[in-house]
């Protein structure tokens, strides 16, 4: 499970492949509850206990990386068709989109996810985590190359921007820190991201080898 980072503010729920997390920011203090590997049905029970029933809550989807469709080609009636090119949509419940500069980020909720989120008793807005990562880069590094890397137990999510323009949004399977270095080196070379500012999310002491490896190759990550 990923801990909080600056864009998990206010009240939010993060839904990921390995469970869900609840976040509540109160001044300088953030309360977090994690439910790894639990049934999504538990969300409709635990979330009202954690948040109450009145204030709006952001629902952050980290289950998969959205599919990017150029704005000039986007047709809202074809969301399911776009997704079927890249994903198994046999369990598709409903489709969602986030608007990014030049792109629509198209993703979906499974029927179970849609049902559970629909039962939440408080106002809520769904957004993909990858869109938050992209907006983070565009705010922090509007004039240069930047990478956001979110570490997860068996994969990393990578978003790359150049002068505020989205270049890449992808998920890579991994086994070792060397895998991460390989993927990042490939992305930097492919998109000509010279000396990018690198943000590394979910850094723990167990990832010390990764941090040292990145620094050896002159990639100096900032942990968020």
C-alpha atoms as a PDB file:
ATOM      1  CA  UNK A   1       0.000   0.000   0.000  1.00  0.00           C
ATOM      2  CA  UNK A   2       1.215   3.535  -0.742  1.00  0.00           C
ATOM      3  CA  UNK A   3       1.300   6.037   2.119  1.00  0.00           C
ATOM      4  CA  UNK A   4       0.105   9.589   1.767  1.00  0.00           C
ATOM      5  CA  UNK A   5       1.772  12.188  -0.448  1.00  0.00           C
ATOM      6  CA  UNK A   6       0.967  15.901  -0.838  1.00  0.00           C
ATOM      7  CA  UNK A   7      -1.933  15.463  -3.253  1.00  0.00           C
ATOM      8  CA  UNK A   8      -3.829  13.155  -0.874  1.00  0.00           C
ATOM      9  CA  UNK A   9      -5.268  16.133   0.951  1.00  0.00           C
ATOM     10  CA  UNK A  10      -8.522  16.790   2.711  1.00  0.00           C
ATOM     11  CA  UNK A  11     -10.466  13.532   2.745  1.00  0.00           C
ATOM     12  CA  UNK A  12      -9.660  10.799   0.250  1.00  0.00           C
ATOM     13  CA  UNK A  13      -9.893   7.086  -0.459  1.00  0.00           C
ATOM     14  CA  UNK A  14      -7.188   5.336  -2.464  1.00  0.00           C
ATOM     15  CA  UNK A  15      -8.257   2.089  -4.177  1.00  0.00           C
ATOM     16  CA  UNK A  16      -5.363  -0.046  -5.408  1.00  0.00           C
ATOM     17  CA  UNK A  17      -4.819  -3.631  -6.608  1.00  0.00           C
ATOM     18  CA  UNK A  18      -3.711  -4.663  -3.097  1.00  0.00           C
ATOM     19  CA  UNK A  19      -6.508  -3.065  -1.069  1.00  0.00           C
ATOM     20  CA  UNK A  20      -7.651   0.408  -0.086  1.00  0.00           C
ATOM     21  CA  UNK A  21      -6.545   3.259   2.178  1.00  0.00           C
ATOM     22  CA  UNK A  22      -8.424   6.065   3.906  1.00  0.00           C
ATOM     23  CA  UNK A  23      -6.834   9.518   4.387  1.00  0.00           C
ATOM     24  CA  UNK A  24      -7.992  12.495   6.426  1.00  0.00           C
ATOM     25  CA  UNK A  25      -5.875  15.666   6.662  1.00  0.00           C
ATOM     26  CA  UNK A  26      -6.452  17.890   9.677  1.00  0.00           C
ATOM     27  CA  UNK A  27      -4.029  20.817   9.704  1.00  0.00           C
ATOM     28  CA  UNK A  28      -0.506  19.396   9.784  1.00  0.00           C
ATOM     29  CA  UNK A  29      -1.732  15.956  10.831  1.00  0.00           C
ATOM     30  CA  UNK A  30      -2.889  13.226   8.469  1.00  0.00           C
ATOM     31  CA  UNK A  31      -4.784  10.178   9.725  1.00  0.00           C
ATOM     32  CA  UNK A  32      -4.422   7.014   7.649  1.00  0.00           C
ATOM     33  CA  UNK A  33      -6.083   3.611   7.808  1.00  0.00           C
ATOM     34  CA  UNK A  34      -5.014   0.822   5.446  1.00  0.00           C
ATOM     35  CA  UNK A  35      -6.962  -2.288   4.503  1.00  0.00           C
ATOM     36  CA  UNK A  36      -4.636  -4.516   2.444  1.00  0.00           C
ATOM     37  CA  UNK A  37      -6.075  -7.421   0.481  1.00  0.00           C
ATOM     38  CA  UNK A  38      -9.573  -6.835   1.838  1.00  0.00           C
ATOM     39  CA  UNK A  39     -12.816  -7.152  -0.051  1.00  0.00           C
ATOM     40  CA  UNK A  40     -14.005  -3.893  -1.563  1.00  0.00           C
ATOM     41  CA  UNK A  41     -17.330  -4.457   0.188  1.00  0.00           C
ATOM     42  CA  UNK A  42     -15.574  -3.506   3.433  1.00  0.00           C
ATOM     43  CA  UNK A  43     -15.056  -0.013   2.037  1.00  0.00           C
ATOM     44  CA  UNK A  44     -18.732   0.854   2.313  1.00  0.00           C
ATOM     45  CA  UNK A  45     -18.574  -0.078   6.019  1.00  0.00           C
ATOM     46  CA  UNK A  46     -15.239   1.433   7.057  1.00  0.00           C
ATOM     47  CA  UNK A  47     -15.317   4.678   5.053  1.00  0.00           C
ATOM     48  CA  UNK A  48     -18.418   6.159   6.804  1.00  0.00           C
ATOM     49  CA  UNK A  49     -16.885   5.308  10.198  1.00  0.00           C
ATOM     50  CA  UNK A  50     -13.670   7.085   9.227  1.00  0.00           C
ATOM     51  CA  UNK A  51     -15.099  10.155   7.470  1.00  0.00           C
ATOM     52  CA  UNK A  52     -18.674  10.602   8.633  1.00  0.00           C
ATOM     53  CA  UNK A  53     -21.456  11.086   6.104  1.00  0.00           C
ATOM     54  CA  UNK A  54     -21.460  14.776   5.138  1.00  0.00           C
ATOM     55  CA  UNK A  55     -18.191  16.152   3.733  1.00  0.00           C
ATOM     56  CA  UNK A  56     -17.101  15.345   0.150  1.00  0.00           C
ATOM     57  CA  UNK A  57     -14.368  12.741  -0.306  1.00  0.00           C
ATOM     58  CA  UNK A  58     -12.041  12.163  -3.276  1.00  0.00           C
ATOM     59  CA  UNK A  59     -11.901   8.560  -4.522  1.00  0.00           C
ATOM     60  CA  UNK A  60      -8.458   7.984  -6.043  1.00  0.00           C
ATOM     61  CA  UNK A  61      -8.260   5.027  -8.422  1.00  0.00           C
ATOM     62  CA  UNK A  62      -4.835   3.359  -8.571  1.00  0.00           C
ATOM     63  CA  UNK A  63      -6.020  -0.001  -9.905  1.00  0.00           C
ATOM     64  CA  UNK A  64      -4.565   0.553 -13.394  1.00  0.00           C
ATOM     65  CA  UNK A  65      -3.031   3.262 -15.559  1.00  0.00           C
ATOM     66  CA  UNK A  66      -5.535   5.159 -17.722  1.00  0.00           C
ATOM     67  CA  UNK A  67      -5.447   4.979 -21.473  1.00  0.00           C
ATOM     68  CA  UNK A  68      -4.467   8.312 -23.040  1.00  0.00           C
ATOM     69  CA  UNK A  69      -6.551   9.519 -25.974  1.00  0.00           C
ATOM     70  CA  UNK A  70      -5.513  12.739 -27.756  1.00  0.00           C
ATOM     71  CA  UNK A  71      -8.122  15.431 -27.178  1.00  0.00           C
ATOM     72  CA  UNK A  72      -8.646  16.018 -30.910  1.00  0.00           C
ATOM     73  CA  UNK A  73      -9.485  12.316 -31.414  1.00  0.00           C
ATOM     74  CA  UNK A  74     -11.558  11.782 -28.294  1.00  0.00           C
ATOM     75  CA  UNK A  75     -15.187  10.679 -28.675  1.00  0.00           C
ATOM     76  CA  UNK A  76     -17.073  10.239 -25.365  1.00  0.00           C
ATOM     77  CA  UNK A  77     -19.257   7.565 -26.946  1.00  0.00           C
ATOM     78  CA  UNK A  78     -16.245   5.329 -27.538  1.00  0.00           C
ATOM     79  CA  UNK A  79     -14.753   5.052 -24.040  1.00  0.00           C
ATOM     80  CA  UNK A  80     -15.436   1.316 -23.845  1.00  0.00           C
ATOM     81  CA  UNK A  81     -13.966   0.778 -27.300  1.00  0.00           C
ATOM     82  CA  UNK A  82     -10.765   2.625 -26.361  1.00  0.00           C
ATOM     83  CA  UNK A  83     -10.340   0.581 -23.199  1.00  0.00           C
ATOM     84  CA  UNK A  84     -10.975  -2.736 -24.956  1.00  0.00           C
ATOM     85  CA  UNK A  85      -7.844  -2.145 -27.046  1.00  0.00           C
ATOM     86  CA  UNK A  86      -5.659  -2.330 -23.948  1.00  0.00           C
ATOM     87  CA  UNK A  87      -7.570  -3.968 -21.090  1.00  0.00           C
ATOM     88  CA  UNK A  88      -9.748  -6.944 -20.287  1.00  0.00           C
ATOM     89  CA  UNK A  89     -13.084  -5.172 -19.935  1.00  0.00           C
ATOM     90  CA  UNK A  90     -15.167  -8.265 -19.217  1.00  0.00           C
ATOM     91  CA  UNK A  91     -15.793  -6.953 -15.673  1.00  0.00           C
ATOM     92  CA  UNK A  92     -16.324  -3.348 -16.736  1.00  0.00           C
ATOM     93  CA  UNK A  93     -18.851  -1.495 -14.619  1.00  0.00           C
ATOM     94  CA  UNK A  94     -18.547   2.051 -15.906  1.00  0.00           C
ATOM     95  CA  UNK A  95     -15.979   4.268 -17.599  1.00  0.00           C
ATOM     96  CA  UNK A  96     -14.404   7.455 -16.283  1.00  0.00           C
ATOM     97  CA  UNK A  97     -12.209  10.174 -17.781  1.00  0.00           C
ATOM     98  CA  UNK A  98      -9.884  12.829 -16.405  1.00  0.00           C
ATOM     99  CA  UNK A  99      -8.990  15.864 -18.497  1.00  0.00           C
ATOM    100  CA  UNK A 100      -5.274  16.555 -18.917  1.00  0.00           C
ATOM    101  CA  UNK A 101      -3.563  19.006 -21.262  1.00  0.00           C
ATOM    102  CA  UNK A 102      -3.951  17.605 -24.805  1.00  0.00           C
ATOM    103  CA  UNK A 103      -5.339  14.261 -23.563  1.00  0.00           C
ATOM    104  CA  UNK A 104      -8.286  12.499 -22.019  1.00  0.00           C
ATOM    105  CA  UNK A 105      -7.199   9.860 -19.499  1.00  0.00           C
ATOM    106  CA  UNK A 106      -9.759   7.060 -19.908  1.00  0.00           C
ATOM    107  CA  UNK A 107     -10.139   4.339 -17.268  1.00  0.00           C
ATOM    108  CA  UNK A 108     -12.815   2.136 -15.784  1.00  0.00           C
ATOM    109  CA  UNK A 109     -14.290   0.758 -12.593  1.00  0.00           C
ATOM    110  CA  UNK A 110     -15.215  -2.900 -12.376  1.00  0.00           C
ATOM    111  CA  UNK A 111     -18.845  -3.615 -11.646  1.00  0.00           C
ATOM    112  CA  UNK A 112     -17.955  -4.454  -8.043  1.00  0.00           C
ATOM    113  CA  UNK A 113     -15.960  -1.217  -7.615  1.00  0.00           C
ATOM    114  CA  UNK A 114     -18.770   0.791  -9.150  1.00  0.00           C
ATOM    115  CA  UNK A 115     -21.349  -0.813  -6.859  1.00  0.00           C
ATOM    116  CA  UNK A 116     -19.276  -0.259  -3.720  1.00  0.00           C
ATOM    117  CA  UNK A 117     -18.424   3.363  -4.543  1.00  0.00           C
ATOM    118  CA  UNK A 118     -22.052   4.006  -5.463  1.00  0.00           C
ATOM    119  CA  UNK A 119     -23.087   2.961  -1.927  1.00  0.00           C
ATOM    120  CA  UNK A 120     -20.892   5.550  -0.207  1.00  0.00           C
ATOM    121  CA  UNK A 121     -23.200   7.792   1.836  1.00  0.00           C
ATOM    122  CA  UNK A 122     -21.208  11.008   1.328  1.00  0.00           C
ATOM    123  CA  UNK A 123     -20.535  13.149  -1.780  1.00  0.00           C
ATOM    124  CA  UNK A 124     -17.520  11.854  -3.691  1.00  0.00           C
ATOM    125  CA  UNK A 125     -15.543  12.487  -6.860  1.00  0.00           C
ATOM    126  CA  UNK A 126     -13.513   9.818  -8.647  1.00  0.00           C
ATOM    127  CA  UNK A 127     -10.096  10.616 -10.130  1.00  0.00           C
ATOM    128  CA  UNK A 128      -7.211   8.443 -11.312  1.00  0.00           C
ATOM    129  CA  UNK A 129      -4.006   8.530  -9.295  1.00  0.00           C
ATOM    130  CA  UNK A 130      -1.997   8.908 -12.503  1.00  0.00           C
ATOM    131  CA  UNK A 131      -3.839  12.173 -13.245  1.00  0.00           C
ATOM    132  CA  UNK A 132      -2.858  13.460  -9.794  1.00  0.00           C
ATOM    133  CA  UNK A 133       0.757  12.503 -10.480  1.00  0.00           C
ATOM    134  CA  UNK A 134       0.653  14.374 -13.790  1.00  0.00           C
ATOM    135  CA  UNK A 135      -0.830  17.500 -12.199  1.00  0.00           C
ATOM    136  CA  UNK A 136       1.800  17.318  -9.453  1.00  0.00           C
ATOM    137  CA  UNK A 137       4.589  17.446 -12.058  1.00  0.00           C
ATOM    138  CA  UNK A 138       2.938  20.226 -14.036  1.00  0.00           C
ATOM    139  CA  UNK A 139       2.693  22.305 -10.861  1.00  0.00           C
ATOM    140  CA  UNK A 140       6.164  21.548  -9.469  1.00  0.00           C
ATOM    141  CA  UNK A 141       8.168  21.577 -12.716  1.00  0.00           C
ATOM    142  CA  UNK A 142       6.293  23.636 -15.334  1.00  0.00           C
ATOM    143  CA  UNK A 143       9.412  24.564 -17.318  1.00  0.00           C
ATOM    144  CA  UNK A 144      11.601  21.453 -17.459  1.00  0.00           C
ATOM    145  CA  UNK A 145      11.708  17.653 -17.690  1.00  0.00           C
ATOM    146  CA  UNK A 146      10.235  15.729 -14.756  1.00  0.00           C
ATOM    147  CA  UNK A 147       9.420  12.167 -13.703  1.00  0.00           C
ATOM    148  CA  UNK A 148       7.072  10.898 -11.030  1.00  0.00           C
ATOM    149  CA  UNK A 149       7.649   7.293  -9.936  1.00  0.00           C
ATOM    150  CA  UNK A 150       5.216   5.588  -7.559  1.00  0.00           C
ATOM    151  CA  UNK A 151       6.620   2.372  -6.070  1.00  0.00           C
ATOM    152  CA  UNK A 152       4.286  -0.544  -5.381  1.00  0.00           C
ATOM    153  CA  UNK A 153       5.033  -4.111  -4.269  1.00  0.00           C
ATOM    154  CA  UNK A 154       5.155  -5.588  -7.777  1.00  0.00           C
ATOM    155  CA  UNK A 155       5.068  -2.628 -10.146  1.00  0.00           C
ATOM    156  CA  UNK A 156       5.911   1.029 -10.597  1.00  0.00           C
ATOM    157  CA  UNK A 157       3.751   3.734 -12.111  1.00  0.00           C
ATOM    158  CA  UNK A 158       5.682   6.307 -14.124  1.00  0.00           C
ATOM    159  CA  UNK A 159       4.530   9.699 -15.390  1.00  0.00           C
ATOM    160  CA  UNK A 160       6.876  11.860 -17.480  1.00  0.00           C
ATOM    161  CA  UNK A 161       6.426  15.502 -18.429  1.00  0.00           C
ATOM    162  CA  UNK A 162       8.503  17.891 -20.532  1.00  0.00           C
ATOM    163  CA  UNK A 163       7.872  21.620 -19.952  1.00  0.00           C
ATOM    164  CA  UNK A 164       4.507  20.775 -18.426  1.00  0.00           C
ATOM    165  CA  UNK A 165       3.474  18.618 -21.382  1.00  0.00           C
ATOM    166  CA  UNK A 166       2.555  15.006 -20.648  1.00  0.00           C
ATOM    167  CA  UNK A 167       4.898  12.609 -22.448  1.00  0.00           C
ATOM    168  CA  UNK A 168       4.239   9.222 -20.829  1.00  0.00           C
ATOM    169  CA  UNK A 169       1.928   7.508 -18.374  1.00  0.00           C
ATOM    170  CA  UNK A 170       2.660   3.818 -17.882  1.00  0.00           C
ATOM    171  CA  UNK A 171       2.949   0.895 -15.457  1.00  0.00           C
ATOM    172  CA  UNK A 172       5.917  -1.480 -15.374  1.00  0.00           C
ATOM    173  CA  UNK A 173       6.236  -4.836 -13.622  1.00  0.00           C
ATOM    174  CA  UNK A 174       9.359  -5.170 -11.508  1.00  0.00           C
ATOM    175  CA  UNK A 175      11.464  -7.531  -9.448  1.00  0.00           C
ATOM    176  CA  UNK A 176      14.605  -5.628  -8.439  1.00  0.00           C
ATOM    177  CA  UNK A 177      15.869  -2.027  -8.112  1.00  0.00           C
ATOM    178  CA  UNK A 178      17.846  -2.674 -11.287  1.00  0.00           C
ATOM    179  CA  UNK A 179      14.530  -3.115 -13.114  1.00  0.00           C
ATOM    180  CA  UNK A 180      13.482   0.372 -12.037  1.00  0.00           C
ATOM    181  CA  UNK A 181      16.777   1.873 -13.202  1.00  0.00           C
ATOM    182  CA  UNK A 182      16.383   0.111 -16.567  1.00  0.00           C
ATOM    183  CA  UNK A 183      12.848   1.392 -17.103  1.00  0.00           C
ATOM    184  CA  UNK A 184      13.694   4.952 -16.093  1.00  0.00           C
ATOM    185  CA  UNK A 185      16.818   5.030 -18.255  1.00  0.00           C
ATOM    186  CA  UNK A 186      14.748   3.832 -21.209  1.00  0.00           C
ATOM    187  CA  UNK A 187      12.076   6.496 -20.627  1.00  0.00           C
ATOM    188  CA  UNK A 188      14.668   9.266 -20.247  1.00  0.00           C
ATOM    189  CA  UNK A 189      16.400   8.251 -23.465  1.00  0.00           C
ATOM    190  CA  UNK A 190      13.212   7.685 -25.477  1.00  0.00           C
ATOM    191  CA  UNK A 191      11.688  11.054 -24.560  1.00  0.00           C
ATOM    192  CA  UNK A 192      14.980  13.001 -24.384  1.00  0.00           C
ATOM    193  CA  UNK A 193      14.436  14.050 -20.782  1.00  0.00           C
ATOM    194  CA  UNK A 194      17.819  15.553 -20.008  1.00  0.00           C
ATOM    195  CA  UNK A 195      18.563  15.730 -16.273  1.00  0.00           C
ATOM    196  CA  UNK A 196      14.923  15.339 -15.227  1.00  0.00           C
ATOM    197  CA  UNK A 197      13.721  16.259 -11.788  1.00  0.00           C
ATOM    198  CA  UNK A 198      12.716  12.908 -10.289  1.00  0.00           C
ATOM    199  CA  UNK A 199      10.049  12.469  -7.621  1.00  0.00           C
ATOM    200  CA  UNK A 200       9.989   9.104  -5.872  1.00  0.00           C
ATOM    201  CA  UNK A 201       6.829   8.176  -3.977  1.00  0.00           C
ATOM    202  CA  UNK A 202       6.751   5.464  -1.294  1.00  0.00           C
ATOM    203  CA  UNK A 203      10.385   5.561  -0.284  1.00  0.00           C
ATOM    204  CA  UNK A 204      11.158   3.390   2.758  1.00  0.00           C
ATOM    205  CA  UNK A 205      14.424   2.188   4.351  1.00  0.00           C
ATOM    206  CA  UNK A 206      13.925  -1.081   2.453  1.00  0.00           C
ATOM    207  CA  UNK A 207      14.380   0.924  -0.737  1.00  0.00           C
ATOM    208  CA  UNK A 208      17.789   2.265   0.311  1.00  0.00           C
ATOM    209  CA  UNK A 209      19.509   0.228  -2.411  1.00  0.00           C
ATOM    210  CA  UNK A 210      17.273   1.806  -5.041  1.00  0.00           C
ATOM    211  CA  UNK A 211      18.058   5.314  -3.791  1.00  0.00           C
ATOM    212  CA  UNK A 212      21.800   4.631  -3.906  1.00  0.00           C
ATOM    213  CA  UNK A 213      21.513   3.088  -7.359  1.00  0.00           C
ATOM    214  CA  UNK A 214      19.653   6.076  -8.769  1.00  0.00           C
ATOM    215  CA  UNK A 215      22.200   8.490  -7.292  1.00  0.00           C
ATOM    216  CA  UNK A 216      25.049   6.462  -8.805  1.00  0.00           C
ATOM    217  CA  UNK A 217      23.552   7.133 -12.223  1.00  0.00           C
ATOM    218  CA  UNK A 218      23.077  10.824 -11.421  1.00  0.00           C
ATOM    219  CA  UNK A 219      19.351  10.505 -10.869  1.00  0.00           C
ATOM    220  CA  UNK A 220      18.770  12.311  -7.586  1.00  0.00           C
ATOM    221  CA  UNK A 221      15.239  11.529  -6.462  1.00  0.00           C
ATOM    222  CA  UNK A 222      13.161  13.712  -4.199  1.00  0.00           C
ATOM    223  CA  UNK A 223      10.899  11.627  -1.970  1.00  0.00           C
ATOM    224  CA  UNK A 224       7.259  12.684  -1.669  1.00  0.00           C
END
